Amino acid sequence: MAKQHKVEFSTEAERDPEAISEWIIDQSGFARQVINYVKRIRIYLSGFKNFPHRGTQRDDLYSGIRLVGFDRRVTVVFTVSDSTVHIVRIVYGGRDIAALFEDESGAIE
């Protein structure tokens, strides 16, 4: 049996599903559907423990960063080590991914 990775979330990634749900509710007013949508995102992310090397590696943004889409509207930004998948951010819509992670020094937050 293949080794399972631990899935960890940055502070920002822990807050992202709530921010996504608030934004969708503000735009649509459909709270029940949003709750189910966020549950589906969380279920999808739990699958990274078994299949961590998914998505596209984007070293042009930051060394080792990977991006994968969910349901055509969400982008998951993460890194993979020997034993851990670190979810950096979960972003909704067409946000500028590179701009989210640059601080004054250009390092990922």
Protein backbone atom coordinates (compact mmCIF):
# COMPACT_ATOMS: atom_id res chain seq x y z
CA MET A 1 0.00 0.00 0.00
CA ALA A 2 1.27 3.46 -0.89
CA LYS A 3 2.40 5.79 1.86
CA GLN A 4 -0.14 8.42 2.88
CA HIS A 5 0.92 12.05 3.17
CA LYS A 6 -0.17 14.30 5.98
CA VAL A 7 -2.28 17.25 4.73
CA GLU A 8 -1.56 20.54 6.51
CA PHE A 9 -3.05 23.99 5.92
CA SER A 10 -1.47 27.41 6.22
CA THR A 11 -3.31 29.94 8.35
CA GLU A 12 -4.60 31.59 5.18
CA ALA A 13 -5.77 28.29 3.69
CA GLU A 14 -7.65 27.51 6.92
CA ARG A 15 -9.59 30.77 6.46
CA ASP A 16 -10.05 30.60 2.68
CA PRO A 17 -13.14 28.31 2.60
CA GLU A 18 -15.01 30.68 4.91
CA ALA A 19 -14.02 33.68 2.78
CA ILE A 20 -15.12 31.83 -0.36
CA SER A 21 -18.47 30.93 1.18
CA GLU A 22 -19.07 34.50 2.38
CA TRP A 23 -18.30 35.87 -1.08
CA ILE A 24 -20.62 33.39 -2.82
CA ILE A 25 -23.44 34.04 -0.33
CA ASP A 26 -23.03 37.80 -0.82
CA GLN A 27 -23.25 37.32 -4.59
CA SER A 28 -26.04 34.74 -4.71
CA GLY A 29 -27.73 34.45 -1.33
CA PHE A 30 -27.75 30.63 -1.53
CA ALA A 31 -26.33 29.59 1.84
CA ARG A 32 -27.33 25.92 1.77
CA GLN A 33 -25.64 25.27 -1.59
CA VAL A 34 -22.52 27.09 -0.42
CA ILE A 35 -22.23 24.93 2.68
CA ASN A 36 -22.35 21.82 0.50
CA TYR A 37 -19.84 23.33 -1.93
CA VAL A 38 -17.34 24.02 0.87
CA LYS A 39 -17.83 20.46 2.16
CA ARG A 40 -16.99 19.16 -1.33
CA ILE A 41 -13.82 21.28 -1.38
CA ARG A 42 -12.75 19.84 1.99
CA ILE A 43 -13.43 16.27 0.82
CA TYR A 44 -11.38 16.94 -2.32
CA LEU A 45 -8.48 18.28 -0.24
CA SER A 46 -8.50 15.24 2.03
CA GLY A 47 -7.76 13.15 -1.08
CA PHE A 48 -4.32 14.75 -1.30
CA LYS A 49 -3.13 12.33 1.40
CA ASN A 50 -3.33 9.50 -1.15
CA PHE A 51 -2.51 11.39 -4.36
CA PRO A 52 -0.28 14.34 -3.47
CA HIS A 53 1.49 14.96 -6.79
CA ARG A 54 -1.48 16.25 -8.75
CA GLY A 55 -1.90 19.50 -10.58
CA THR A 56 0.77 21.50 -12.31
CA GLN A 57 4.11 22.46 -10.83
CA ARG A 58 4.60 26.23 -11.17
CA ASP A 59 8.21 26.98 -10.34
CA ASP A 60 7.78 30.26 -12.22
CA LEU A 61 5.63 31.47 -9.31
CA TYR A 62 7.67 29.92 -6.50
CA SER A 63 9.98 26.93 -6.33
CA GLY A 64 8.01 23.75 -5.62
CA ILE A 65 4.56 25.34 -5.78
CA ARG A 66 1.80 23.33 -7.43
CA LEU A 67 -1.66 24.40 -8.63
CA VAL A 68 -4.73 22.28 -9.18
CA GLY A 69 -8.26 23.32 -10.00
CA PHE A 70 -11.47 22.20 -8.37
CA ASP A 71 -14.84 22.47 -10.06
CA ARG A 72 -13.58 25.08 -12.57
CA ARG A 73 -13.80 27.93 -10.02
CA VAL A 74 -11.36 27.10 -7.22
CA THR A 75 -7.57 26.91 -7.41
CA VAL A 76 -5.64 25.05 -4.73
CA VAL A 77 -2.06 26.21 -4.22
CA PHE A 78 0.17 23.71 -2.42
CA THR A 79 3.58 22.14 -1.95
CA VAL A 80 4.53 18.50 -1.50
CA SER A 81 7.37 17.10 0.60
CA ASP A 82 8.30 13.49 1.30
CA SER A 83 5.55 13.15 3.89
CA THR A 84 3.38 16.28 3.81
CA VAL A 85 1.10 18.17 1.47
CA HIS A 86 1.02 21.79 2.60
CA ILE A 87 -2.05 23.65 1.35
CA VAL A 88 -0.89 27.25 0.97
CA ARG A 89 -4.08 28.88 -0.33
CA ILE A 90 -7.51 28.02 -1.69
CA VAL A 91 -8.66 30.78 -4.03
CA TYR A 92 -11.94 31.36 -5.81
CA GLY A 93 -12.49 32.74 -9.28
CA GLY A 94 -9.97 34.40 -11.52
CA ARG A 95 -7.70 35.85 -8.85
CA ASP A 96 -4.11 36.73 -9.69
CA ILE A 97 -2.29 33.84 -8.04
CA ALA A 98 1.18 35.41 -8.27
CA ALA A 99 0.03 38.62 -6.60
CA LEU A 100 -1.42 36.73 -3.64
CA PHE A 101 1.95 35.41 -2.55
CA GLU A 102 4.32 38.28 -2.99
CA ASP A 103 5.38 40.41 -0.10
CA GLU A 104 8.08 43.09 -0.19
CA SER A 105 10.84 40.48 -0.56
CA GLY A 106 9.02 38.47 -3.21
CA ALA A 107 8.83 35.41 -0.94
CA ILE A 108 5.79 33.25 -0.53
CA GLU A 109 3.84 33.95 2.65
